[in-house]
Amino acid sequence: MINVGFIGAGKVGLSLGAMIATYSDKHDAKVVGYASGRLHNAVGDGTETTYTGSHNGQTLSEQQADIGRISLDTLVKKSDLIFITVPDDNISEVSNQIRTHSASREIDLSRKAFIHTSGAHTSDDICALKELGATVGSLHPLLAVKDNSSEDLLKNAYYTFEGDIGAYDRVVDAMGYLRHHTEILAKDKKVLYHAASVYFSNFVVGLASIGEEILATCGLPEAFAKEAWKHLFIANAHNVVDVGPTAALTGPALRGDAGTISGHLEQLGRLRQEVISEKFDNNDSNGFRNPDSRGSYGNGHDGGSESNNSENCENHNNVGNCLNDNSSANCSNGGSDDSDSNCDICKHDFSVDNVRIYEEITKQLLKIAETRNPEKDYSRVAQVLTS
């Protein structure tokens, strides 16, 4: 039997522990505990817990009677497989701490495997443990873990593993149900792999948020606007999953509706101007004037000859560019990054340029459309996007 320990009791750590407690055969793997300062209200105290087993209604501490918060040294001594489920920026620090403690206490790591669960970081972050004989790796689920009880989702998720083959063998020995949907990932591809994952996950959230914000400006009842788009979203998501992105595409790009796309861009540009003008109006007290004499989005002219001083952003051909570039280099006083007189709207605003986002995504949709309909002429759409 493989004893499994966790360093870190966040959503991923608790859900992985719950998965092992729920699905691993008791002869294959057992969770021995968590080393974490956050654990007392999560698992192991036998009273108030945020985890409930999805199959039998028992708490995790009831399913695994001896699970709980234990010291780092005790966890390392008792465990054969140790998951490091801490924030990415803390992985190396935790690894070095384990190495220092283990070396000073002469804890044998030669038969132990250490795994972190970062999607972007490689096993190099914990390579210090190899000096004491441990095997190391990184195991990442292609899943957005939303809470402490995501064990069912984790069991059915797909994973990538990067690192020592000995560490991989230890993982699949403990959790055999992962064997058939886990693939080995090359170390030098891990960051790119994680970037791709962001497109499937975090960016979808960002685009949905943008759509919700734009819909809220259309004069519809608030309750309707917050609910109506969800059916469109879910149906489209199912379609993408069922038939793939290329076959799932619908809409003006596929049809080649250049006029519709041009109208979208025009209206988004006007909305963009309104947002930026409002921000300048709200900052009048700080010396920033509303640049209402500037041209509209994409006209490519400066619309005025205002002087270069702390009252204005220079080098912006139009209102939109102030926030489009999101760079203090385009602000007043020659664009010095360390200048106190740089435009605070540029430096501290996280507004997004919905026109640019629309253009860039539509270019990708046009690429898909041309694959779907190679005989169709999409030149008018292309011209709208490049004008």
Protein backbone atom coordinates (compact mmCIF):
# COMPACT_ATOMS: atom_id res chain seq x y z
CA MET A 1 0.00 0.00 0.00
CA ILE A 2 1.20 3.49 -0.86
CA ASN A 3 0.91 6.13 1.84
CA VAL A 4 0.08 9.52 0.37
CA GLY A 5 0.71 12.86 2.05
CA PHE A 6 -0.13 16.42 1.05
CA ILE A 7 1.77 19.62 1.69
CA GLY A 8 -0.84 22.34 1.27
CA ALA A 9 -4.57 22.12 1.94
CA GLY A 10 -6.09 24.24 -0.80
CA LYS A 11 -8.76 23.21 -3.27
CA VAL A 12 -6.50 20.94 -5.32
CA GLY A 13 -4.88 19.24 -2.33
CA LEU A 14 -8.15 18.57 -0.53
CA SER A 15 -9.88 17.36 -3.69
CA LEU A 16 -7.02 15.01 -4.60
CA GLY A 17 -7.04 13.64 -1.07
CA ALA A 18 -10.79 13.14 -1.27
CA MET A 19 -10.38 11.37 -4.61
CA ILE A 20 -7.87 8.94 -3.15
CA ALA A 21 -10.00 8.37 -0.04
CA THR A 22 -13.10 7.79 -2.17
CA TYR A 23 -11.84 5.88 -5.20
CA SER A 24 -8.51 4.21 -4.45
CA ASP A 25 -8.68 0.66 -3.19
CA LYS A 26 -7.71 0.59 0.49
CA HIS A 27 -4.96 -1.85 -0.40
CA ASP A 28 -3.52 0.52 -3.03
CA ALA A 29 -3.34 3.93 -1.35
CA LYS A 30 -4.14 5.71 1.88
CA VAL A 31 -4.00 9.41 2.77
CA VAL A 32 -1.90 9.84 5.91
CA GLY A 33 -2.39 13.56 6.41
CA TYR A 34 -1.81 17.15 5.43
CA ALA A 35 0.99 19.50 6.44
CA SER A 36 -0.69 22.89 6.26
CA GLY A 37 -1.52 25.81 8.49
CA ARG A 38 -4.89 26.13 6.73
CA LEU A 39 -6.17 22.69 7.64
CA HIS A 40 -7.95 23.08 10.98
CA ASN A 41 -11.31 24.05 9.49
CA ALA A 42 -10.96 21.91 6.40
CA VAL A 43 -10.39 18.29 7.39
CA GLY A 44 -9.18 16.13 10.20
CA ASP A 45 -10.61 17.79 13.31
CA GLY A 46 -13.71 15.61 13.32
CA THR A 47 -16.03 18.57 13.82
CA GLU A 48 -16.64 21.29 11.27
CA THR A 49 -15.42 20.28 7.82
CA THR A 50 -15.92 21.68 4.33
CA TYR A 51 -15.55 18.25 2.70
CA THR A 52 -18.30 15.65 2.46
CA GLY A 53 -17.70 12.39 0.64
CA SER A 54 -19.86 12.27 -2.47
CA HIS A 55 -20.69 8.58 -2.12
CA ASN A 56 -21.51 7.85 1.50
CA GLY A 57 -21.95 11.27 3.08
CA GLN A 58 -19.04 10.75 5.46
CA THR A 59 -16.51 13.43 6.19
CA LEU A 60 -13.01 12.82 4.95
CA SER A 61 -11.83 12.33 8.54
CA GLU A 62 -14.44 9.58 8.94
CA GLN A 63 -13.41 7.89 5.70
CA GLN A 64 -9.74 8.01 6.67
CA ALA A 65 -9.73 7.77 10.44
CA ASP A 66 -6.14 8.84 10.91
CA ILE A 67 -6.10 11.72 8.45
CA GLY A 68 -5.46 15.19 9.76
CA ARG A 69 -2.93 17.95 10.15
CA ILE A 70 0.51 16.66 10.94
CA SER A 71 3.98 18.16 10.97
CA LEU A 72 6.02 18.35 7.82
CA ASP A 73 8.66 15.99 9.17
CA THR A 74 6.07 13.41 10.23
CA LEU A 75 4.30 13.61 6.89
CA VAL A 76 7.51 13.08 4.94
CA LYS A 77 8.52 10.13 7.14
CA LYS A 78 5.13 8.41 6.85
CA SER A 79 4.47 9.02 3.16
CA ASP A 80 5.69 7.22 0.06
CA LEU A 81 4.08 9.71 -2.33
CA ILE A 82 3.99 13.39 -1.35
CA PHE A 83 1.95 15.95 -3.27
CA ILE A 84 3.08 19.57 -2.98
CA THR A 85 -0.16 21.47 -3.54
CA VAL A 86 0.87 25.01 -2.68
CA PRO A 87 0.74 28.19 -4.82
CA ASP A 88 3.18 28.09 -7.73
CA ASP A 89 5.47 30.76 -6.30
CA ASN A 90 5.95 28.72 -3.11
CA ILE A 91 6.85 25.37 -4.67
CA SER A 92 10.62 25.87 -4.72
CA GLU A 93 10.60 27.30 -1.21
CA VAL A 94 8.70 24.29 0.13
CA SER A 95 11.02 21.93 -1.73
CA ASN A 96 14.09 23.55 -0.19
CA GLN A 97 12.48 23.43 3.24
CA ILE A 98 11.82 19.70 2.87
CA ARG A 99 15.38 19.14 1.72
CA THR A 100 16.88 21.09 4.63
CA HIS A 101 14.72 19.39 7.25
CA SER A 102 15.20 15.92 5.79
CA ALA A 103 18.97 16.32 5.56
CA SER A 104 19.30 17.66 9.13
CA ARG A 105 17.12 14.86 10.53
CA GLU A 106 18.61 12.18 8.28
CA ILE A 107 15.23 11.27 6.77
CA ASP A 108 15.70 8.82 3.92
CA LEU A 109 14.05 10.09 0.74
CA SER A 110 15.43 7.41 -1.57
CA ARG A 111 12.12 5.53 -1.82
CA LYS A 112 9.86 8.59 -1.91
CA ALA A 113 8.26 10.46 -4.80
CA PHE A 114 7.40 14.15 -4.67
CA ILE A 115 4.82 15.61 -7.07
CA HIS A 116 3.68 19.20 -7.48
CA THR A 117 0.49 20.10 -9.31
CA SER A 118 1.38 23.33 -11.11
CA GLY A 119 0.36 23.58 -14.74
CA ALA A 120 3.14 25.97 -15.76
CA HIS A 121 6.08 25.02 -13.52
CA THR A 122 8.20 21.94 -14.18
CA SER A 123 9.70 19.40 -11.83
CA ASP A 124 12.87 21.51 -11.83
CA ASP A 125 11.19 23.51 -9.05
CA ILE A 126 11.60 20.54 -6.71
CA CYS A 127 14.80 19.06 -8.14
CA ALA A 128 16.63 19.82 -4.86
CA LEU A 129 14.92 16.73 -3.44
CA LYS A 130 16.70 14.53 -5.97
CA GLU A 131 19.95 15.26 -4.16
CA LEU A 132 18.59 13.12 -1.30
CA GLY A 133 17.50 10.31 -3.60
CA ALA A 134 13.85 11.18 -4.20
CA THR A 135 12.11 11.01 -7.55
CA VAL A 136 10.17 14.08 -8.61
CA GLY A 137 7.53 15.12 -11.09
CA SER A 138 4.62 17.40 -11.85
CA LEU A 139 1.07 16.18 -12.37
CA HIS A 140 -1.49 18.64 -13.73
CA PRO A 141 -5.21 18.04 -14.26
CA LEU A 142 -6.83 19.73 -17.24
CA LEU A 143 -9.59 20.94 -14.99
CA ALA A 144 -10.74 24.10 -13.25
CA VAL A 145 -10.97 22.99 -9.61
CA LYS A 146 -13.71 25.16 -8.16
CA ASP A 147 -13.94 23.92 -4.56
CA ASN A 148 -12.62 21.46 -1.97
CA SER A 149 -14.89 18.62 -3.10
CA SER A 150 -14.06 18.22 -6.78
CA GLU A 151 -12.96 14.58 -6.46
CA ASP A 152 -15.49 13.27 -8.99
CA LEU A 153 -14.31 15.80 -11.58
CA LEU A 154 -10.66 15.02 -10.84
CA LYS A 155 -11.20 11.29 -11.24
CA ASN A 156 -12.54 11.78 -14.76
CA ALA A 157 -10.20 14.59 -15.81
CA TYR A 158 -7.25 14.25 -18.17
CA TYR A 159 -3.76 14.80 -16.80
CA THR A 160 -0.27 15.52 -18.01
CA PHE A 161 2.82 14.29 -16.19
CA GLU A 162 6.34 15.63 -16.49
CA GLY A 163 9.35 14.35 -14.56
CA ASP A 164 11.01 11.12 -13.43
CA ILE A 165 9.47 7.87 -14.61
CA GLY A 166 9.79 6.49 -11.08
CA ALA A 167 7.55 9.27 -9.78
CA TYR A 168 5.05 8.58 -12.56
CA ASP A 169 4.95 4.89 -11.67
CA ARG A 170 4.28 5.77 -8.03
CA VAL A 171 1.34 7.99 -9.04
CA VAL A 172 -0.38 5.38 -11.21
CA ASP A 173 0.28 2.65 -8.63
CA ALA A 174 -1.60 4.74 -6.08
CA MET A 175 -4.31 5.94 -8.48
CA GLY A 176 -4.62 3.35 -11.21
CA TYR A 177 -7.77 4.99 -12.56
CA LEU A 178 -5.59 7.84 -13.89
CA ARG A 179 -3.41 5.56 -15.99
CA HIS A 180 -5.57 5.62 -19.12
CA HIS A 181 -6.03 9.40 -19.28
CA THR A 182 -2.59 10.64 -18.30
CA GLU A 183 0.09 11.45 -20.86
CA ILE A 184 3.76 12.33 -20.52
CA LEU A 185 4.57 15.96 -21.38
CA ALA A 186 8.02 17.17 -22.41
CA LYS A 187 9.52 19.60 -19.93
CA ASP A 188 10.22 22.29 -22.53
CA LYS A 189 6.56 22.27 -23.64
CA LYS A 190 4.99 22.75 -20.24
CA VAL A 191 4.59 26.53 -20.29
CA LEU A 192 3.12 26.41 -23.81
CA TYR A 193 0.78 23.61 -22.72
CA HIS A 194 -0.40 25.73 -19.80
CA ALA A 195 -0.90 28.74 -22.07
CA ALA A 196 -3.13 26.58 -24.29
CA SER A 197 -5.09 25.53 -21.21
CA VAL A 198 -5.73 29.18 -20.38
CA TYR A 199 -7.55 29.56 -23.70
CA PHE A 200 -9.90 26.71 -22.79
CA SER A 201 -10.52 27.94 -19.27
CA ASN A 202 -9.61 31.40 -17.96
CA PHE A 203 -10.05 33.21 -21.27
CA VAL A 204 -13.54 31.79 -21.63
CA VAL A 205 -14.39 33.38 -18.28
CA GLY A 206 -12.91 36.69 -19.45
CA LEU A 207 -14.85 36.69 -22.72
CA ALA A 208 -18.09 35.81 -20.93
CA SER A 209 -17.49 38.71 -18.54
CA ILE A 210 -16.94 41.11 -21.47
CA GLY A 211 -20.09 39.88 -23.18
CA GLU A 212 -22.09 40.33 -19.99
CA GLU A 213 -20.78 43.89 -19.57
CA ILE A 214 -21.67 44.83 -23.15
CA LEU A 215 -25.11 43.24 -22.91
CA ALA A 216 -25.76 45.29 -19.77
CA THR A 217 -25.50 48.49 -21.88
CA CYS A 218 -28.26 47.40 -24.29
CA GLY A 219 -31.22 48.58 -22.22
CA LEU A 220 -32.52 45.11 -21.39
CA PRO A 221 -33.89 44.32 -17.91
CA GLU A 222 -30.98 43.44 -15.65
CA ALA A 223 -32.35 40.04 -14.62
CA PHE A 224 -32.96 39.10 -18.26
CA ALA A 225 -29.49 40.25 -19.35
CA LYS A 226 -27.80 38.20 -16.62
CA GLU A 227 -29.64 34.98 -17.50
CA ALA A 228 -30.39 35.01 -21.22
CA TRP A 229 -26.81 34.61 -22.48
CA LYS A 230 -26.18 31.49 -20.40
CA HIS A 231 -28.32 29.27 -22.63
CA LEU A 232 -26.41 30.47 -25.69
CA PHE A 233 -23.12 29.86 -23.89
CA ILE A 234 -23.96 26.35 -22.69
CA ALA A 235 -25.38 25.22 -26.04
CA ASN A 236 -22.31 26.52 -27.85
CA ALA A 237 -19.94 24.89 -25.33
CA HIS A 238 -21.67 21.53 -25.82
CA ASN A 239 -21.44 21.98 -29.57
CA VAL A 240 -17.71 22.72 -29.45
CA VAL A 241 -17.10 19.68 -27.25
CA ASP A 242 -19.30 17.40 -29.35
CA VAL A 243 -18.06 18.27 -32.85
CA GLY A 244 -14.91 20.37 -32.32
CA PRO A 245 -14.25 24.09 -32.89
CA THR A 246 -14.13 23.96 -36.68
CA ALA A 247 -17.47 22.21 -37.17
CA ALA A 248 -19.10 24.17 -34.33
CA LEU A 249 -18.52 27.62 -35.82
CA THR A 250 -21.61 29.67 -36.71
CA GLY A 251 -22.19 33.39 -37.13
CA PRO A 252 -21.14 36.30 -39.34
CA ALA A 253 -17.53 35.26 -39.89
CA LEU A 254 -18.58 31.89 -41.30
CA ARG A 255 -21.24 33.52 -43.46
CA GLY A 256 -18.86 36.23 -44.66
CA ASP A 257 -21.15 39.01 -43.39
CA ALA A 258 -18.72 41.90 -43.70
CA GLY A 259 -21.43 44.48 -43.05
CA THR A 260 -22.44 42.86 -39.77
CA ILE A 261 -18.85 42.66 -38.58
CA SER A 262 -18.22 46.26 -39.57
CA GLY A 263 -21.31 47.32 -37.63
CA HIS A 264 -20.15 45.42 -34.57
CA LEU A 265 -16.78 47.15 -34.68
CA GLU A 266 -18.38 50.57 -35.10
CA GLN A 267 -20.70 50.12 -32.12
CA LEU A 268 -17.96 48.66 -29.94
CA GLY A 269 -15.76 51.61 -30.86
CA ARG A 270 -18.45 54.06 -29.80
CA LEU A 271 -18.94 52.23 -26.53
CA ARG A 272 -15.20 52.30 -26.03
CA GLN A 273 -15.12 56.06 -26.50
CA GLU A 274 -17.94 56.55 -24.04
CA VAL A 275 -16.13 54.51 -21.39
CA ILE A 276 -12.84 56.39 -21.86
CA SER A 277 -14.54 59.80 -21.98
CA GLU A 278 -16.27 58.98 -18.71
CA LYS A 279 -12.96 58.05 -17.14
CA PHE A 280 -11.41 61.35 -18.22
CA ASP A 281 -14.45 63.22 -16.89
CA ASN A 282 -14.09 61.45 -13.56
CA ASN A 283 -10.43 62.44 -13.42
CA ASP A 284 -10.93 66.16 -14.15
CA SER A 285 -10.05 66.97 -10.56
CA ASN A 286 -6.62 65.42 -11.14
CA GLY A 287 -5.86 67.64 -14.09
CA PHE A 288 -6.89 65.33 -16.94
CA ARG A 289 -9.14 66.86 -19.59
CA ASN A 290 -11.76 64.96 -21.56
CA PRO A 291 -10.20 64.67 -25.02
CA ASP A 292 -13.51 65.10 -26.80
CA SER A 293 -11.79 66.68 -29.79
CA ARG A 294 -9.98 63.42 -30.58
CA GLY A 295 -11.01 61.19 -33.45
CA SER A 296 -13.04 58.05 -33.10
CA TYR A 297 -11.56 54.58 -32.84
CA GLY A 298 -9.40 53.64 -35.78
CA ASN A 299 -9.45 56.98 -37.64
CA GLY A 300 -5.71 57.38 -37.28
CA HIS A 301 -5.59 61.15 -36.66
CA ASP A 302 -4.73 63.11 -33.58
CA GLY A 303 -7.70 65.50 -33.82
CA GLY A 304 -5.88 68.32 -32.12
CA SER A 305 -2.58 69.92 -31.17
CA GLU A 306 -2.74 69.96 -27.40
CA SER A 307 0.55 70.62 -25.69
CA ASN A 308 2.66 67.97 -24.04
CA ASN A 309 2.11 68.42 -20.32
CA SER A 310 0.74 66.53 -17.36
CA GLU A 311 -2.82 67.39 -18.39
CA ASN A 312 -2.82 65.17 -21.46
CA CYS A 313 -1.68 61.83 -22.84
CA GLU A 314 0.58 62.41 -25.82
CA ASN A 315 1.15 60.20 -28.85
CA HIS A 316 -2.43 58.91 -28.83
CA ASN A 317 -3.95 59.12 -32.31
CA ASN A 318 -7.43 58.77 -30.83
CA VAL A 319 -9.28 58.38 -27.59
CA GLY A 320 -9.03 54.59 -27.71
CA ASN A 321 -5.25 54.47 -27.89
CA CYS A 322 -4.83 55.89 -24.41
CA LEU A 323 -5.97 52.57 -22.98
CA ASN A 324 -5.34 50.39 -26.03
CA ASP A 325 -1.61 50.42 -25.54
CA ASN A 326 -1.90 50.07 -21.76
CA SER A 327 1.61 51.43 -21.57
CA SER A 328 2.95 54.37 -19.64
CA ALA A 329 5.45 54.83 -22.46
CA ASN A 330 2.77 56.62 -24.47
CA CYS A 331 1.93 59.12 -21.76
CA SER A 332 3.12 62.65 -21.07
CA ASN A 333 6.62 63.86 -20.23
CA GLY A 334 8.23 61.82 -22.96
CA GLY A 335 6.88 58.47 -21.73
CA SER A 336 9.26 58.03 -18.83
CA ASP A 337 8.12 55.02 -16.82
CA ASP A 338 9.37 56.53 -13.57
CA SER A 339 7.72 59.91 -14.06
CA ASP A 340 5.11 60.91 -11.50
CA SER A 341 3.30 62.89 -14.18
CA ASN A 342 2.53 59.85 -16.38
CA CYS A 343 -1.15 59.48 -17.15
CA ASP A 344 -2.73 57.67 -14.21
CA ILE A 345 -5.51 56.43 -16.46
CA CYS A 346 -2.95 54.51 -18.54
CA LYS A 347 -0.94 53.31 -15.57
CA HIS A 348 -3.70 52.05 -13.31
CA ASP A 349 -6.67 51.19 -15.50
CA PHE A 350 -7.46 47.59 -16.34
CA SER A 351 -10.11 48.38 -18.94
CA VAL A 352 -9.86 46.22 -22.03
CA ASP A 353 -10.08 47.20 -25.67
CA ASN A 354 -13.12 45.24 -26.82
CA VAL A 355 -12.63 46.39 -30.42
CA ARG A 356 -9.16 44.89 -30.60
CA ILE A 357 -10.32 41.70 -28.90
CA TYR A 358 -13.20 41.40 -31.37
CA GLU A 359 -10.85 41.95 -34.31
CA GLU A 360 -8.27 39.40 -33.19
CA ILE A 361 -10.79 36.68 -32.39
CA THR A 362 -12.64 37.30 -35.65
CA LYS A 363 -9.37 36.76 -37.52
CA GLN A 364 -9.19 33.30 -35.95
CA LEU A 365 -12.85 32.67 -36.80
CA LEU A 366 -12.14 33.73 -40.39
CA LYS A 367 -9.30 31.22 -40.51
CA ILE A 368 -11.75 28.50 -39.39
CA ALA A 369 -14.34 29.71 -41.91
CA GLU A 370 -11.85 29.46 -44.78
CA THR A 371 -11.09 25.90 -43.70
CA ARG A 372 -14.79 25.07 -43.68
CA ASN A 373 -15.55 26.83 -46.97
CA PRO A 374 -12.35 26.94 -49.05
CA GLU A 375 -14.24 28.06 -52.16
CA LYS A 376 -15.94 31.03 -50.48
CA ASP A 377 -14.55 34.54 -50.90
CA TYR A 378 -13.91 36.13 -47.50
CA SER A 379 -11.92 39.09 -48.83
CA ARG A 380 -14.53 41.67 -47.76
CA VAL A 381 -14.38 40.44 -44.16
CA ALA A 382 -10.60 40.48 -44.26
CA GLN A 383 -10.70 44.05 -45.57
CA VAL A 384 -12.94 45.14 -42.67
CA LEU A 385 -10.52 43.61 -40.17
CA THR A 386 -7.46 45.28 -41.69
CA SER A 387 -8.92 48.71 -42.48
